[in-house]
N, C-alpha and C. Protein backbone atom coordinates (compact mmCIF):
# COMPACT_ATOMS: atom_id res chain seq x y z
N MET A 1 -2.90 -22.83 -7.21
CA MET A 1 -2.62 -21.80 -6.24
C MET A 1 -3.92 -21.18 -5.78
N GLU A 2 -4.11 -21.15 -4.50
CA GLU A 2 -5.36 -20.63 -3.93
C GLU A 2 -5.21 -19.14 -3.66
N THR A 3 -6.19 -18.38 -4.05
CA THR A 3 -6.14 -16.93 -3.78
C THR A 3 -6.91 -16.64 -2.51
N VAL A 4 -6.35 -15.77 -1.73
CA VAL A 4 -6.97 -15.36 -0.47
C VAL A 4 -7.58 -13.99 -0.71
N PRO A 5 -8.87 -13.85 -0.41
CA PRO A 5 -9.47 -12.53 -0.61
C PRO A 5 -8.80 -11.51 0.30
N SER A 6 -8.44 -10.38 -0.29
CA SER A 6 -7.77 -9.36 0.51
C SER A 6 -8.80 -8.58 1.31
N LYS A 7 -8.43 -8.27 2.53
CA LYS A 7 -9.28 -7.44 3.37
C LYS A 7 -8.91 -5.99 3.12
N LYS A 8 -9.85 -5.22 2.68
CA LYS A 8 -9.58 -3.81 2.42
C LYS A 8 -9.72 -3.06 3.74
N THR A 9 -8.65 -2.40 4.11
CA THR A 9 -8.66 -1.61 5.33
C THR A 9 -9.14 -0.21 5.00
N ASN A 10 -10.18 0.21 5.69
CA ASN A 10 -10.74 1.54 5.45
C ASN A 10 -9.91 2.56 6.22
N ILE A 11 -9.19 3.42 5.47
CA ILE A 11 -8.34 4.44 6.06
C ILE A 11 -9.10 5.76 6.10
N LEU A 12 -9.13 6.37 7.26
CA LEU A 12 -9.84 7.64 7.45
C LEU A 12 -8.85 8.80 7.42
N ASP A 13 -9.39 10.01 7.52
CA ASP A 13 -8.54 11.20 7.60
C ASP A 13 -7.53 11.03 8.72
N GLY A 14 -6.29 11.43 8.47
CA GLY A 14 -5.26 11.31 9.49
C GLY A 14 -4.57 9.96 9.48
N ASN A 15 -4.84 9.17 8.45
CA ASN A 15 -4.22 7.84 8.30
C ASN A 15 -4.52 6.91 9.46
N ILE A 16 -5.72 6.99 9.99
CA ILE A 16 -6.14 6.02 11.00
C ILE A 16 -7.14 5.07 10.36
N THR A 17 -7.27 3.90 10.92
CA THR A 17 -8.21 2.93 10.37
C THR A 17 -9.59 3.11 11.01
N GLN A 18 -10.57 2.61 10.32
CA GLN A 18 -11.93 2.64 10.86
C GLN A 18 -11.98 1.86 12.16
N ALA A 19 -11.24 0.76 12.22
CA ALA A 19 -11.22 -0.06 13.45
C ALA A 19 -10.64 0.73 14.62
N GLN A 20 -9.56 1.48 14.35
CA GLN A 20 -8.97 2.29 15.42
C GLN A 20 -9.95 3.35 15.90
N PHE A 21 -10.60 4.01 14.95
CA PHE A 21 -11.59 5.02 15.30
C PHE A 21 -12.72 4.40 16.14
N ASN A 22 -13.19 3.23 15.75
CA ASN A 22 -14.25 2.56 16.49
C ASN A 22 -13.81 2.22 17.91
N GLN A 23 -12.55 1.82 18.08
CA GLN A 23 -12.03 1.53 19.42
C GLN A 23 -12.02 2.79 20.28
N TRP A 24 -11.59 3.89 19.69
CA TRP A 24 -11.58 5.16 20.44
C TRP A 24 -12.98 5.55 20.85
N LYS A 25 -13.94 5.44 19.94
CA LYS A 25 -15.32 5.80 20.24
C LYS A 25 -15.87 4.92 21.36
N TYR A 26 -15.56 3.64 21.31
CA TYR A 26 -16.05 2.72 22.34
C TYR A 26 -15.44 3.06 23.70
N LYS A 27 -14.14 3.33 23.72
CA LYS A 27 -13.43 3.58 24.97
C LYS A 27 -13.72 4.97 25.55
N HIS A 28 -13.77 6.00 24.68
CA HIS A 28 -13.86 7.38 25.16
C HIS A 28 -15.22 8.03 24.93
N LYS A 29 -16.10 7.36 24.23
CA LYS A 29 -17.46 7.85 23.91
C LYS A 29 -17.45 9.01 22.91
N LYS A 30 -16.73 10.07 23.23
CA LYS A 30 -16.66 11.22 22.32
C LYS A 30 -15.23 11.38 21.82
N VAL A 31 -15.12 11.54 20.51
CA VAL A 31 -13.83 11.79 19.89
C VAL A 31 -13.96 13.10 19.10
N VAL A 32 -12.99 13.98 19.29
CA VAL A 32 -13.00 15.28 18.62
C VAL A 32 -11.96 15.24 17.50
N LYS A 33 -12.40 15.58 16.29
CA LYS A 33 -11.49 15.61 15.13
C LYS A 33 -11.20 17.06 14.78
N LEU A 34 -9.92 17.40 14.68
CA LEU A 34 -9.50 18.75 14.31
C LEU A 34 -8.72 18.69 13.02
N THR A 35 -8.86 19.73 12.22
CA THR A 35 -8.18 19.83 10.93
C THR A 35 -7.32 21.08 10.92
N ILE A 36 -6.12 20.95 10.39
CA ILE A 36 -5.21 22.09 10.27
C ILE A 36 -4.47 21.97 8.93
N ALA A 37 -4.12 23.10 8.35
CA ALA A 37 -3.33 23.09 7.11
C ALA A 37 -1.88 23.40 7.44
N ASP A 38 -0.97 22.64 6.84
CA ASP A 38 0.44 22.92 7.06
C ASP A 38 0.89 24.02 6.08
N ASP A 39 2.18 24.28 6.02
CA ASP A 39 2.71 25.36 5.16
C ASP A 39 2.41 25.13 3.68
N ASP A 40 2.27 23.88 3.28
CA ASP A 40 1.98 23.54 1.89
C ASP A 40 0.48 23.48 1.61
N GLU A 41 -0.32 23.89 2.60
CA GLU A 41 -1.79 23.85 2.51
C GLU A 41 -2.33 22.41 2.47
N THR A 42 -1.53 21.46 2.89
CA THR A 42 -2.00 20.08 3.03
C THR A 42 -2.81 19.99 4.30
N ARG A 43 -4.00 19.41 4.19
CA ARG A 43 -4.86 19.27 5.37
C ARG A 43 -4.38 18.09 6.21
N LEU A 44 -4.19 18.36 7.48
CA LEU A 44 -3.77 17.34 8.44
C LEU A 44 -4.85 17.20 9.50
N PHE A 45 -4.96 16.01 10.06
CA PHE A 45 -6.04 15.71 10.99
C PHE A 45 -5.49 15.15 12.30
N ALA A 46 -6.15 15.52 13.38
CA ALA A 46 -5.78 15.02 14.71
C ALA A 46 -7.07 14.65 15.45
N TYR A 47 -6.98 13.62 16.24
CA TYR A 47 -8.12 13.14 17.02
C TYR A 47 -7.78 13.24 18.50
N PHE A 48 -8.71 13.78 19.24
CA PHE A 48 -8.54 13.96 20.68
C PHE A 48 -9.72 13.37 21.43
N ARG A 49 -9.46 12.99 22.67
CA ARG A 49 -10.54 12.63 23.57
C ARG A 49 -10.72 13.79 24.54
N LYS A 50 -11.91 13.92 25.08
CA LYS A 50 -12.13 14.98 26.05
C LYS A 50 -11.43 14.63 27.36
N PRO A 51 -10.85 15.63 28.01
CA PRO A 51 -10.12 15.36 29.26
C PRO A 51 -11.07 15.10 30.42
N ASP A 52 -10.65 14.21 31.31
CA ASP A 52 -11.41 14.01 32.53
C ASP A 52 -10.92 15.00 33.59
N MET A 53 -11.46 14.92 34.77
CA MET A 53 -11.12 15.90 35.81
C MET A 53 -9.65 15.84 36.21
N SER A 54 -9.06 14.66 36.22
CA SER A 54 -7.65 14.57 36.62
C SER A 54 -6.74 15.23 35.58
N ILE A 55 -7.08 15.09 34.31
CA ILE A 55 -6.30 15.75 33.26
C ILE A 55 -6.50 17.26 33.33
N ARG A 56 -7.75 17.68 33.52
CA ARG A 56 -8.02 19.12 33.65
C ARG A 56 -7.24 19.71 34.82
N SER A 57 -7.16 18.97 35.92
CA SER A 57 -6.41 19.43 37.08
C SER A 57 -4.93 19.57 36.76
N ALA A 58 -4.37 18.58 36.07
CA ALA A 58 -2.95 18.62 35.69
C ALA A 58 -2.67 19.79 34.75
N VAL A 59 -3.58 20.04 33.82
CA VAL A 59 -3.43 21.17 32.89
C VAL A 59 -3.48 22.49 33.67
N LEU A 60 -4.42 22.59 34.59
CA LEU A 60 -4.54 23.81 35.39
C LEU A 60 -3.29 24.05 36.22
N GLN A 61 -2.77 23.01 36.84
CA GLN A 61 -1.55 23.15 37.64
C GLN A 61 -0.37 23.59 36.77
N ALA A 62 -0.24 22.98 35.60
CA ALA A 62 0.86 23.33 34.69
C ALA A 62 0.71 24.76 34.18
N SER A 63 -0.53 25.20 33.98
CA SER A 63 -0.76 26.54 33.42
C SER A 63 -0.35 27.64 34.40
N LYS A 64 -0.30 27.31 35.68
CA LYS A 64 0.12 28.30 36.68
C LYS A 64 1.60 28.65 36.53
N MET A 65 2.36 27.72 35.96
CA MET A 65 3.80 27.96 35.79
C MET A 65 4.14 28.31 34.35
N ASP A 66 3.50 27.63 33.39
CA ASP A 66 3.89 27.79 31.99
C ASP A 66 2.73 27.36 31.10
N GLU A 67 2.17 28.29 30.35
CA GLU A 67 1.01 27.96 29.50
C GLU A 67 1.37 26.97 28.40
N PHE A 68 2.58 27.04 27.87
CA PHE A 68 3.00 26.08 26.85
C PHE A 68 3.09 24.68 27.44
N LYS A 69 3.56 24.59 28.66
CA LYS A 69 3.64 23.30 29.35
C LYS A 69 2.23 22.73 29.55
N ALA A 70 1.29 23.61 29.86
CA ALA A 70 -0.10 23.17 30.04
C ALA A 70 -0.66 22.59 28.75
N LEU A 71 -0.36 23.23 27.62
CA LEU A 71 -0.82 22.70 26.33
C LEU A 71 -0.17 21.36 26.02
N GLU A 72 1.09 21.21 26.40
CA GLU A 72 1.78 19.94 26.19
C GLU A 72 1.16 18.84 27.05
N VAL A 73 0.80 19.16 28.28
CA VAL A 73 0.12 18.18 29.16
C VAL A 73 -1.21 17.77 28.53
N LEU A 74 -1.94 18.74 28.01
CA LEU A 74 -3.21 18.45 27.37
C LEU A 74 -3.01 17.56 26.15
N PHE A 75 -2.02 17.89 25.31
CA PHE A 75 -1.75 17.10 24.11
C PHE A 75 -1.37 15.67 24.48
N LYS A 76 -0.43 15.51 25.39
CA LYS A 76 0.06 14.17 25.75
C LYS A 76 -1.04 13.29 26.33
N ASN A 77 -2.00 13.89 27.02
CA ASN A 77 -3.04 13.10 27.68
C ASN A 77 -4.31 12.91 26.87
N CYS A 78 -4.54 13.74 25.87
CA CYS A 78 -5.80 13.67 25.13
C CYS A 78 -5.66 13.33 23.66
N TYR A 79 -4.47 13.47 23.09
CA TYR A 79 -4.25 13.17 21.68
C TYR A 79 -4.33 11.67 21.48
N LEU A 80 -5.18 11.26 20.56
CA LEU A 80 -5.36 9.85 20.27
C LEU A 80 -4.54 9.40 19.07
N GLY A 81 -4.47 10.25 18.05
CA GLY A 81 -3.75 9.88 16.84
C GLY A 81 -4.09 10.84 15.72
N GLY A 82 -3.53 10.55 14.56
CA GLY A 82 -3.76 11.39 13.39
C GLY A 82 -2.50 11.45 12.56
N ASP A 83 -2.37 12.52 11.79
CA ASP A 83 -1.20 12.68 10.95
C ASP A 83 0.05 12.88 11.80
N GLY A 84 1.07 12.09 11.53
CA GLY A 84 2.30 12.13 12.31
C GLY A 84 3.00 13.46 12.30
N LYS A 85 2.80 14.24 11.24
CA LYS A 85 3.46 15.54 11.11
C LYS A 85 3.06 16.47 12.26
N ILE A 86 1.85 16.29 12.78
CA ILE A 86 1.37 17.13 13.89
C ILE A 86 2.20 16.86 15.14
N GLU A 87 2.55 15.61 15.37
CA GLU A 87 3.36 15.27 16.53
C GLU A 87 4.80 15.76 16.38
N GLN A 88 5.27 15.83 15.15
CA GLN A 88 6.67 16.15 14.89
C GLN A 88 6.95 17.65 14.85
N GLU A 89 5.99 18.46 14.41
CA GLU A 89 6.23 19.88 14.24
C GLU A 89 5.57 20.69 15.35
N ASP A 90 6.39 21.42 16.08
CA ASP A 90 5.92 22.18 17.24
C ASP A 90 4.81 23.17 16.88
N ASP A 91 4.95 23.89 15.76
CA ASP A 91 3.94 24.89 15.40
C ASP A 91 2.57 24.24 15.16
N LEU A 92 2.56 23.13 14.45
CA LEU A 92 1.30 22.43 14.19
C LEU A 92 0.69 21.92 15.48
N ARG A 93 1.54 21.30 16.31
CA ARG A 93 1.05 20.75 17.58
C ARG A 93 0.51 21.85 18.48
N LEU A 94 1.21 22.97 18.54
CA LEU A 94 0.77 24.09 19.36
C LEU A 94 -0.57 24.65 18.87
N ASN A 95 -0.68 24.87 17.57
CA ASN A 95 -1.91 25.43 17.01
C ASN A 95 -3.11 24.51 17.20
N ILE A 96 -2.91 23.24 16.95
CA ILE A 96 -4.05 22.33 17.04
C ILE A 96 -4.44 22.08 18.50
N THR A 97 -3.47 22.06 19.40
CA THR A 97 -3.78 21.88 20.82
C THR A 97 -4.46 23.12 21.38
N THR A 98 -4.06 24.30 20.93
CA THR A 98 -4.72 25.53 21.35
C THR A 98 -6.18 25.54 20.91
N ALA A 99 -6.44 25.12 19.68
CA ALA A 99 -7.82 25.05 19.18
C ALA A 99 -8.63 24.04 19.99
N PHE A 100 -8.01 22.89 20.32
CA PHE A 100 -8.70 21.89 21.13
C PHE A 100 -8.99 22.43 22.52
N SER A 101 -8.02 23.14 23.10
CA SER A 101 -8.20 23.74 24.42
C SER A 101 -9.37 24.72 24.41
N ASP A 102 -9.46 25.54 23.37
CA ASP A 102 -10.57 26.48 23.25
C ASP A 102 -11.91 25.74 23.17
N HIS A 103 -11.91 24.61 22.47
CA HIS A 103 -13.13 23.83 22.29
C HIS A 103 -13.65 23.25 23.61
N ILE A 104 -12.74 22.87 24.49
CA ILE A 104 -13.16 22.19 25.73
C ILE A 104 -13.36 23.15 26.90
N GLN A 105 -13.26 24.45 26.65
CA GLN A 105 -13.50 25.41 27.72
C GLN A 105 -14.94 25.31 28.21
N PRO A 106 -15.17 25.65 29.47
CA PRO A 106 -16.53 25.59 30.01
C PRO A 106 -17.50 26.41 29.16
N LYS A 107 -18.68 25.88 29.00
CA LYS A 107 -19.72 26.55 28.22
C LYS A 107 -20.45 27.56 29.11
N PRO A 108 -21.02 28.60 28.49
CA PRO A 108 -21.77 29.59 29.28
C PRO A 108 -22.95 28.94 30.03
N VAL A 109 -23.17 29.43 31.21
CA VAL A 109 -24.26 28.93 32.06
C VAL A 109 -25.15 30.10 32.44
N THR A 110 -26.43 29.86 32.40
CA THR A 110 -27.38 30.89 32.84
C THR A 110 -27.76 30.61 34.29
N ILE A 111 -27.68 31.65 35.11
CA ILE A 111 -27.99 31.51 36.52
C ILE A 111 -29.22 32.37 36.83
N GLU A 112 -30.16 31.77 37.53
CA GLU A 112 -31.34 32.48 37.96
C GLU A 112 -31.50 32.31 39.46
N ILE A 113 -31.69 33.39 40.14
CA ILE A 113 -31.97 33.30 41.57
C ILE A 113 -33.48 33.47 41.72
N LEU A 114 -34.10 32.48 42.28
CA LEU A 114 -35.56 32.47 42.41
C LEU A 114 -36.00 32.72 43.83
């Protein structure tokens, strides 16, 4: 009987594989990892890509009617993967998407008139 060497799959935070993470990095260049604790203090992880202008526009349009809807648009378009519990539980999804939204807000700019 011939034994086949097993390939060890490297699992990262959020139960994603190293290969999946590498694909995201290649496709999106920047990947943002967020950590949140659930009610049991278990650390959960979510990975997001930064939104492009079309996603930012859709979020802005949705925010004019409903801020929760805007966060849902952001989540659906930028969430790459992570712990499934985040997708299933509204409170976790809302909290982590709000933190991601805060992270991607425009940075301060210094203006000088010369």
